[in-house]
Amino acid sequence: MVRSTISNMMVINASPNAGKIDLLQNLKPIGGVQFDYLKSLNVSAVYYTVDSGFNNYKIKKANTEFANLLLNNTSNNVSLWVYDSLSVSTVKYLLLNDNLDTPGRAKAKVRYLFLSPDMDTVNVTRADTVSLYTNASYYKTQLQVDNGGLAAFVPVDTGHAVIKFVPINTSSAIKTYQHYFSSNAVYTFVIKGYRKRAGADSLSLSVIKHN
């Protein structure tokens, strides 16, 4: 296998009840660490150096292998997302190109990932009813690499915002969060967990700050 250069990869475990999992590239643990389920509301992005180009990836827990993938990462910064229930038949993944160019003063930029298997189709709004994202639904199909069409970063105004996730054809939010968009910052909002479950597996938001 020819490796011409390297990439920076962020790995996110958004698989409810998975606990700590291993992500291996060419049989080597990425970052030399295990990846726990994403629980915190506010998270700082961590990127690890990996080989770019076509490489083998495995999703494992202990001695059990749940996925064996051949992925082609060619961007400087990429992120690998593991979601849905951790079983051979249900676990899913996304490999996304992360465009971390800053948006300039008085603006931030954000992308939205909807990884909750039983989430309703929703609209994302600010408290002032400004629409941030419409008709958002669960990513049912795993993809190898997305070039920005599935989960593109979009500019938003800086400042404090109350973020609401509102099922379409209703006016009642299923989740409401407060967030401050900092100037020149780059964020990913990821919705994961199950709406119909309670506790640690329940529907929740994490905000990943990339810079």
C-alpha atoms as a PDB file:
ATOM      1  CA  MET A   1       0.000   0.000   0.000  1.00  0.00           C
ATOM      2  CA  VAL A   2       1.503   3.327  -1.104  1.00  0.00           C
ATOM      3  CA  ARG A   3       1.350   6.196   1.377  1.00  0.00           C
ATOM      4  CA  SER A   4       2.389   9.556   0.009  1.00  0.00           C
ATOM      5  CA  THR A   5       1.497  11.894   2.846  1.00  0.00           C
ATOM      6  CA  ILE A   6      -0.420  12.268   6.091  1.00  0.00           C
ATOM      7  CA  SER A   7      -3.768  13.649   7.271  1.00  0.00           C
ATOM      8  CA  ASN A   8      -5.140  14.861  10.571  1.00  0.00           C
ATOM      9  CA  MET A   9      -8.109  12.801  11.755  1.00  0.00           C
ATOM     10  CA  MET A  10     -10.657  13.416  14.506  1.00  0.00           C
ATOM     11  CA  VAL A  11     -12.549  10.327  15.688  1.00  0.00           C
ATOM     12  CA  ILE A  12     -15.964  10.690  17.313  1.00  0.00           C
ATOM     13  CA  ASN A  13     -17.805   7.828  19.002  1.00  0.00           C
ATOM     14  CA  ALA A  14     -21.497   8.738  18.762  1.00  0.00           C
ATOM     15  CA  SER A  15     -22.724   5.165  19.252  1.00  0.00           C
ATOM     16  CA  PRO A  16     -25.023   5.058  22.316  1.00  0.00           C
ATOM     17  CA  ASN A  17     -24.141   2.505  24.972  1.00  0.00           C
ATOM     18  CA  ALA A  18     -20.985   1.531  23.084  1.00  0.00           C
ATOM     19  CA  GLY A  19     -18.602   2.535  25.828  1.00  0.00           C
ATOM     20  CA  LYS A  20     -14.977   2.761  24.740  1.00  0.00           C
ATOM     21  CA  ILE A  21     -14.155   1.556  21.248  1.00  0.00           C
ATOM     22  CA  ASP A  22     -10.974   1.127  19.222  1.00  0.00           C
ATOM     23  CA  LEU A  23     -10.431   2.676  15.792  1.00  0.00           C
ATOM     24  CA  LEU A  24      -7.534   1.073  13.950  1.00  0.00           C
ATOM     25  CA  GLN A  25      -5.817   2.247  10.786  1.00  0.00           C
ATOM     26  CA  ASN A  26      -3.796  -0.528   9.186  1.00  0.00           C
ATOM     27  CA  LEU A  27      -4.045  -2.466  12.468  1.00  0.00           C
ATOM     28  CA  LYS A  28      -2.625   0.411  14.538  1.00  0.00           C
ATOM     29  CA  PRO A  29      -4.862   2.219  17.093  1.00  0.00           C
ATOM     30  CA  ILE A  30      -5.449   5.786  15.919  1.00  0.00           C
ATOM     31  CA  GLY A  31      -3.795   8.117  18.410  1.00  0.00           C
ATOM     32  CA  GLY A  32      -2.907   5.157  20.598  1.00  0.00           C
ATOM     33  CA  VAL A  33      -6.141   5.730  22.538  1.00  0.00           C
ATOM     34  CA  GLN A  34      -9.661   4.364  22.936  1.00  0.00           C
ATOM     35  CA  PHE A  35     -12.660   6.520  22.077  1.00  0.00           C
ATOM     36  CA  ASP A  36     -15.454   6.822  24.620  1.00  0.00           C
ATOM     37  CA  TYR A  37     -19.048   7.747  23.794  1.00  0.00           C
ATOM     38  CA  LEU A  38     -19.418  11.478  23.283  1.00  0.00           C
ATOM     39  CA  LYS A  39     -21.250  12.735  26.384  1.00  0.00           C
ATOM     40  CA  SER A  40     -20.187  16.318  27.083  1.00  0.00           C
ATOM     41  CA  LEU A  41     -22.052  19.341  25.765  1.00  0.00           C
ATOM     42  CA  ASN A  42     -18.902  21.314  24.929  1.00  0.00           C
ATOM     43  CA  VAL A  43     -15.948  19.477  23.425  1.00  0.00           C
ATOM     44  CA  SER A  44     -12.616  20.613  21.987  1.00  0.00           C
ATOM     45  CA  ALA A  45     -11.660  18.842  18.777  1.00  0.00           C
ATOM     46  CA  VAL A  46      -8.611  16.557  18.911  1.00  0.00           C
ATOM     47  CA  TYR A  47      -6.948  15.501  15.662  1.00  0.00           C
ATOM     48  CA  TYR A  48      -4.461  12.648  15.326  1.00  0.00           C
ATOM     49  CA  THR A  49      -1.888  12.131  12.592  1.00  0.00           C
ATOM     50  CA  VAL A  50      -2.805   9.264  10.244  1.00  0.00           C
ATOM     51  CA  ASP A  51      -1.754   8.029   6.821  1.00  0.00           C
ATOM     52  CA  SER A  52      -3.686   9.588   3.967  1.00  0.00           C
ATOM     53  CA  GLY A  53      -4.921   7.852   0.836  1.00  0.00           C
ATOM     54  CA  PHE A  54      -6.547   4.412   0.779  1.00  0.00           C
ATOM     55  CA  ASN A  55      -6.197   2.652   4.121  1.00  0.00           C
ATOM     56  CA  ASN A  56      -7.841  -0.115   6.090  1.00  0.00           C
ATOM     57  CA  TYR A  57      -9.892   0.835   9.149  1.00  0.00           C
ATOM     58  CA  LYS A  58     -11.395  -1.410  11.781  1.00  0.00           C
ATOM     59  CA  ILE A  59     -14.008  -0.584  14.423  1.00  0.00           C
ATOM     60  CA  LYS A  60     -13.463  -2.849  17.417  1.00  0.00           C
ATOM     61  CA  LYS A  61     -14.325  -3.252  21.077  1.00  0.00           C
ATOM     62  CA  ALA A  62     -12.105  -5.573  23.084  1.00  0.00           C
ATOM     63  CA  ASN A  63     -11.624  -8.579  20.780  1.00  0.00           C
ATOM     64  CA  THR A  64     -14.812  -8.075  18.757  1.00  0.00           C
ATOM     65  CA  GLU A  65     -14.615  -6.517  15.303  1.00  0.00           C
ATOM     66  CA  PHE A  66     -17.725  -4.626  14.180  1.00  0.00           C
ATOM     67  CA  ALA A  67     -16.586  -3.151  10.872  1.00  0.00           C
ATOM     68  CA  ASN A  68     -13.722  -3.562   8.427  1.00  0.00           C
ATOM     69  CA  LEU A  69     -13.491  -0.596   6.049  1.00  0.00           C
ATOM     70  CA  LEU A  70     -11.377   0.616   3.145  1.00  0.00           C
ATOM     71  CA  LEU A  71     -11.498   4.420   3.144  1.00  0.00           C
ATOM     72  CA  ASN A  72      -9.756   7.070   1.114  1.00  0.00           C
ATOM     73  CA  ASN A  73      -8.910  10.204   3.080  1.00  0.00           C
ATOM     74  CA  THR A  74      -7.232  12.839   0.933  1.00  0.00           C
ATOM     75  CA  SER A  75      -7.888  16.105   2.788  1.00  0.00           C
ATOM     76  CA  ASN A  76      -5.579  17.694   5.330  1.00  0.00           C
ATOM     77  CA  ASN A  77      -8.261  17.413   8.026  1.00  0.00           C
ATOM     78  CA  VAL A  78     -10.903  14.697   8.197  1.00  0.00           C
ATOM     79  CA  SER A  79     -13.252  13.301  10.813  1.00  0.00           C
ATOM     80  CA  LEU A  80     -14.508   9.747  11.242  1.00  0.00           C
ATOM     81  CA  TRP A  81     -17.893   9.403  12.969  1.00  0.00           C
ATOM     82  CA  VAL A  82     -19.154   6.113  14.407  1.00  0.00           C
ATOM     83  CA  TYR A  83     -22.865   6.017  15.253  1.00  0.00           C
ATOM     84  CA  ASP A  84     -26.019   3.916  15.699  1.00  0.00           C
ATOM     85  CA  SER A  85     -25.950   0.821  17.915  1.00  0.00           C
ATOM     86  CA  LEU A  86     -22.654  -1.012  18.150  1.00  0.00           C
ATOM     87  CA  SER A  87     -23.374  -4.273  16.354  1.00  0.00           C
ATOM     88  CA  VAL A  88     -22.183  -5.728  13.069  1.00  0.00           C
ATOM     89  CA  SER A  89     -25.597  -5.203  11.455  1.00  0.00           C
ATOM     90  CA  THR A  90     -26.321  -1.660  12.667  1.00  0.00           C
ATOM     91  CA  VAL A  91     -23.117   0.313  13.273  1.00  0.00           C
ATOM     92  CA  LYS A  92     -22.614   3.132  10.769  1.00  0.00           C
ATOM     93  CA  TYR A  93     -19.840   5.548   9.918  1.00  0.00           C
ATOM     94  CA  LEU A  94     -19.151   8.785   8.106  1.00  0.00           C
ATOM     95  CA  LEU A  95     -15.790  10.041   6.901  1.00  0.00           C
ATOM     96  CA  LEU A  96     -16.068  13.794   6.429  1.00  0.00           C
ATOM     97  CA  ASN A  97     -13.680  16.328   5.000  1.00  0.00           C
ATOM     98  CA  ASP A  98     -13.234  19.097   7.580  1.00  0.00           C
ATOM     99  CA  ASN A  99     -12.819  22.521   6.022  1.00  0.00           C
ATOM    100  CA  LEU A 100     -11.451  24.474   8.968  1.00  0.00           C
ATOM    101  CA  ASP A 101     -10.866  27.778   7.195  1.00  0.00           C
ATOM    102  CA  THR A 102     -12.051  30.534   9.527  1.00  0.00           C
ATOM    103  CA  PRO A 103     -15.023  32.668   8.436  1.00  0.00           C
ATOM    104  CA  GLY A 104     -13.690  36.102   9.381  1.00  0.00           C
ATOM    105  CA  ARG A 105     -14.598  38.679  12.004  1.00  0.00           C
ATOM    106  CA  ALA A 106     -18.163  38.868  13.356  1.00  0.00           C
ATOM    107  CA  LYS A 107     -18.916  35.433  11.924  1.00  0.00           C
ATOM    108  CA  ALA A 108     -18.620  31.847  13.053  1.00  0.00           C
ATOM    109  CA  LYS A 109     -19.348  28.752  11.027  1.00  0.00           C
ATOM    110  CA  VAL A 110     -21.138  25.585  11.995  1.00  0.00           C
ATOM    111  CA  ARG A 111     -22.207  22.261  10.541  1.00  0.00           C
ATOM    112  CA  TYR A 112     -24.924  19.979  11.860  1.00  0.00           C
ATOM    113  CA  LEU A 113     -24.760  16.187  12.115  1.00  0.00           C
ATOM    114  CA  PHE A 114     -27.933  14.284  12.945  1.00  0.00           C
ATOM    115  CA  LEU A 115     -26.892  10.863  14.209  1.00  0.00           C
ATOM    116  CA  SER A 116     -29.872   9.916  16.417  1.00  0.00           C
ATOM    117  CA  PRO A 117     -31.554   6.810  14.926  1.00  0.00           C
ATOM    118  CA  ASP A 118     -35.060   7.641  16.194  1.00  0.00           C
ATOM    119  CA  MET A 119     -35.010  11.425  15.939  1.00  0.00           C
ATOM    120  CA  ASP A 120     -37.904  13.150  14.201  1.00  0.00           C
ATOM    121  CA  THR A 121     -37.207  15.321  11.190  1.00  0.00           C
ATOM    122  CA  VAL A 122     -36.603  18.730  12.728  1.00  0.00           C
ATOM    123  CA  ASN A 123     -35.918  22.360  11.995  1.00  0.00           C
ATOM    124  CA  VAL A 124     -33.069  24.055  13.850  1.00  0.00           C
ATOM    125  CA  THR A 125     -33.889  27.608  14.869  1.00  0.00           C
ATOM    126  CA  ARG A 126     -32.605  30.371  17.094  1.00  0.00           C
ATOM    127  CA  ALA A 127     -34.866  31.755  19.784  1.00  0.00           C
ATOM    128  CA  ASP A 128     -35.677  34.679  17.499  1.00  0.00           C
ATOM    129  CA  THR A 129     -37.110  32.065  15.054  1.00  0.00           C
ATOM    130  CA  VAL A 130     -34.272  32.580  12.587  1.00  0.00           C
ATOM    131  CA  SER A 131     -33.901  29.300  10.707  1.00  0.00           C
ATOM    132  CA  LEU A 132     -30.466  27.710  10.907  1.00  0.00           C
ATOM    133  CA  TYR A 133     -31.235  24.354   9.278  1.00  0.00           C
ATOM    134  CA  THR A 134     -34.481  22.975   7.840  1.00  0.00           C
ATOM    135  CA  ASN A 135     -35.829  19.450   7.436  1.00  0.00           C
ATOM    136  CA  ALA A 136     -32.926  17.800   9.224  1.00  0.00           C
ATOM    137  CA  SER A 137     -33.190  14.036   9.529  1.00  0.00           C
ATOM    138  CA  TYR A 138     -31.147  11.010  10.546  1.00  0.00           C
ATOM    139  CA  TYR A 139     -28.273   9.961   8.296  1.00  0.00           C
ATOM    140  CA  LYS A 140     -29.527   6.463   7.530  1.00  0.00           C
ATOM    141  CA  THR A 141     -26.916   5.624   4.915  1.00  0.00           C
ATOM    142  CA  GLN A 142     -23.270   5.331   5.775  1.00  0.00           C
ATOM    143  CA  LEU A 143     -20.960   7.078   3.372  1.00  0.00           C
ATOM    144  CA  GLN A 144     -17.295   6.693   2.641  1.00  0.00           C
ATOM    145  CA  VAL A 145     -16.306  10.315   2.109  1.00  0.00           C
ATOM    146  CA  ASP A 146     -18.422  13.441   1.873  1.00  0.00           C
ATOM    147  CA  ASN A 147     -17.046  16.507   0.106  1.00  0.00           C
ATOM    148  CA  GLY A 148     -19.273  19.014   1.865  1.00  0.00           C
ATOM    149  CA  GLY A 149     -22.736  18.463   0.417  1.00  0.00           C
ATOM    150  CA  LEU A 150     -23.971  16.284   3.261  1.00  0.00           C
ATOM    151  CA  ALA A 151     -22.581  18.278   6.157  1.00  0.00           C
ATOM    152  CA  ALA A 152     -21.273  21.585   4.911  1.00  0.00           C
ATOM    153  CA  PHE A 153     -20.111  24.320   7.284  1.00  0.00           C
ATOM    154  CA  VAL A 154     -22.319  27.409   7.019  1.00  0.00           C
ATOM    155  CA  PRO A 155     -21.697  30.935   8.381  1.00  0.00           C
ATOM    156  CA  VAL A 156     -23.678  32.233  11.365  1.00  0.00           C
ATOM    157  CA  ASP A 157     -23.696  35.516  13.253  1.00  0.00           C
ATOM    158  CA  THR A 158     -21.606  35.666  16.384  1.00  0.00           C
ATOM    159  CA  GLY A 159     -23.109  36.147  19.826  1.00  0.00           C
ATOM    160  CA  HIS A 160     -25.408  34.360  22.221  1.00  0.00           C
ATOM    161  CA  ALA A 161     -28.126  32.132  20.824  1.00  0.00           C
ATOM    162  CA  VAL A 162     -30.815  29.824  22.146  1.00  0.00           C
ATOM    163  CA  ILE A 163     -30.809  26.824  19.806  1.00  0.00           C
ATOM    164  CA  LYS A 164     -34.052  24.877  19.411  1.00  0.00           C
ATOM    165  CA  PHE A 165     -34.709  21.546  17.713  1.00  0.00           C
ATOM    166  CA  VAL A 166     -38.328  21.619  16.614  1.00  0.00           C
ATOM    167  CA  PRO A 167     -40.080  18.687  14.848  1.00  0.00           C
ATOM    168  CA  ILE A 168     -41.529  19.756  11.521  1.00  0.00           C
ATOM    169  CA  ASN A 169     -45.220  20.726  11.516  1.00  0.00           C
ATOM    170  CA  THR A 170     -45.047  21.574  15.228  1.00  0.00           C
ATOM    171  CA  SER A 171     -43.991  24.538  17.327  1.00  0.00           C
ATOM    172  CA  SER A 172     -42.702  22.694  20.411  1.00  0.00           C
ATOM    173  CA  ALA A 173     -38.977  22.133  20.793  1.00  0.00           C
ATOM    174  CA  ILE A 174     -37.797  18.658  21.781  1.00  0.00           C
ATOM    175  CA  LYS A 175     -34.446  20.087  22.889  1.00  0.00           C
ATOM    176  CA  THR A 176     -33.283  23.608  23.706  1.00  0.00           C
ATOM    177  CA  TYR A 177     -29.696  24.706  24.317  1.00  0.00           C
ATOM    178  CA  GLN A 178     -27.840  27.946  24.887  1.00  0.00           C
ATOM    179  CA  HIS A 179     -24.668  28.626  22.962  1.00  0.00           C
ATOM    180  CA  TYR A 180     -22.315  31.524  22.331  1.00  0.00           C
ATOM    181  CA  PHE A 181     -20.908  31.680  18.808  1.00  0.00           C
ATOM    182  CA  SER A 182     -17.421  33.202  19.032  1.00  0.00           C
ATOM    183  CA  SER A 183     -15.941  35.280  16.247  1.00  0.00           C
ATOM    184  CA  ASN A 184     -13.880  33.248  13.760  1.00  0.00           C
ATOM    185  CA  ALA A 185     -14.762  29.960  15.479  1.00  0.00           C
ATOM    186  CA  VAL A 186     -15.588  26.689  13.711  1.00  0.00           C
ATOM    187  CA  TYR A 187     -18.138  24.318  15.280  1.00  0.00           C
ATOM    188  CA  THR A 188     -19.863  21.004  14.698  1.00  0.00           C
ATOM    189  CA  PHE A 189     -23.245  20.450  16.358  1.00  0.00           C
ATOM    190  CA  VAL A 190     -23.873  16.710  16.649  1.00  0.00           C
ATOM    191  CA  ILE A 191     -27.198  15.243  17.782  1.00  0.00           C
ATOM    192  CA  LYS A 192     -26.900  11.683  19.000  1.00  0.00           C
ATOM    193  CA  GLY A 193     -28.581   9.167  21.297  1.00  0.00           C
ATOM    194  CA  TYR A 194     -32.189   7.984  21.298  1.00  0.00           C
ATOM    195  CA  ARG A 195     -35.210  10.205  21.789  1.00  0.00           C
ATOM    196  CA  LYS A 196     -37.195   7.286  23.241  1.00  0.00           C
ATOM    197  CA  ARG A 197     -34.572   6.339  25.825  1.00  0.00           C
ATOM    198  CA  ALA A 198     -33.625   7.892  29.136  1.00  0.00           C
ATOM    199  CA  GLY A 199     -30.282   8.307  30.860  1.00  0.00           C
ATOM    200  CA  ALA A 200     -26.911   8.355  29.137  1.00  0.00           C
ATOM    201  CA  ASP A 201     -28.348   6.997  25.865  1.00  0.00           C
ATOM    202  CA  SER A 202     -31.008   9.684  25.557  1.00  0.00           C
ATOM    203  CA  LEU A 203     -31.145  12.321  22.829  1.00  0.00           C
ATOM    204  CA  SER A 204     -28.489  14.969  23.418  1.00  0.00           C
ATOM    205  CA  LEU A 205     -26.342  17.598  21.751  1.00  0.00           C
ATOM    206  CA  SER A 206     -22.584  17.988  21.754  1.00  0.00           C
ATOM    207  CA  VAL A 207     -20.865  21.070  20.375  1.00  0.00           C
ATOM    208  CA  ILE A 208     -17.374  20.421  19.046  1.00  0.00           C
ATOM    209  CA  LYS A 209     -15.128  23.480  18.682  1.00  0.00           C
ATOM    210  CA  HIS A 210     -12.478  22.907  16.034  1.00  0.00           C
ATOM    211  CA  ASN A 211     -10.235  25.908  16.717  1.00  0.00           C
END
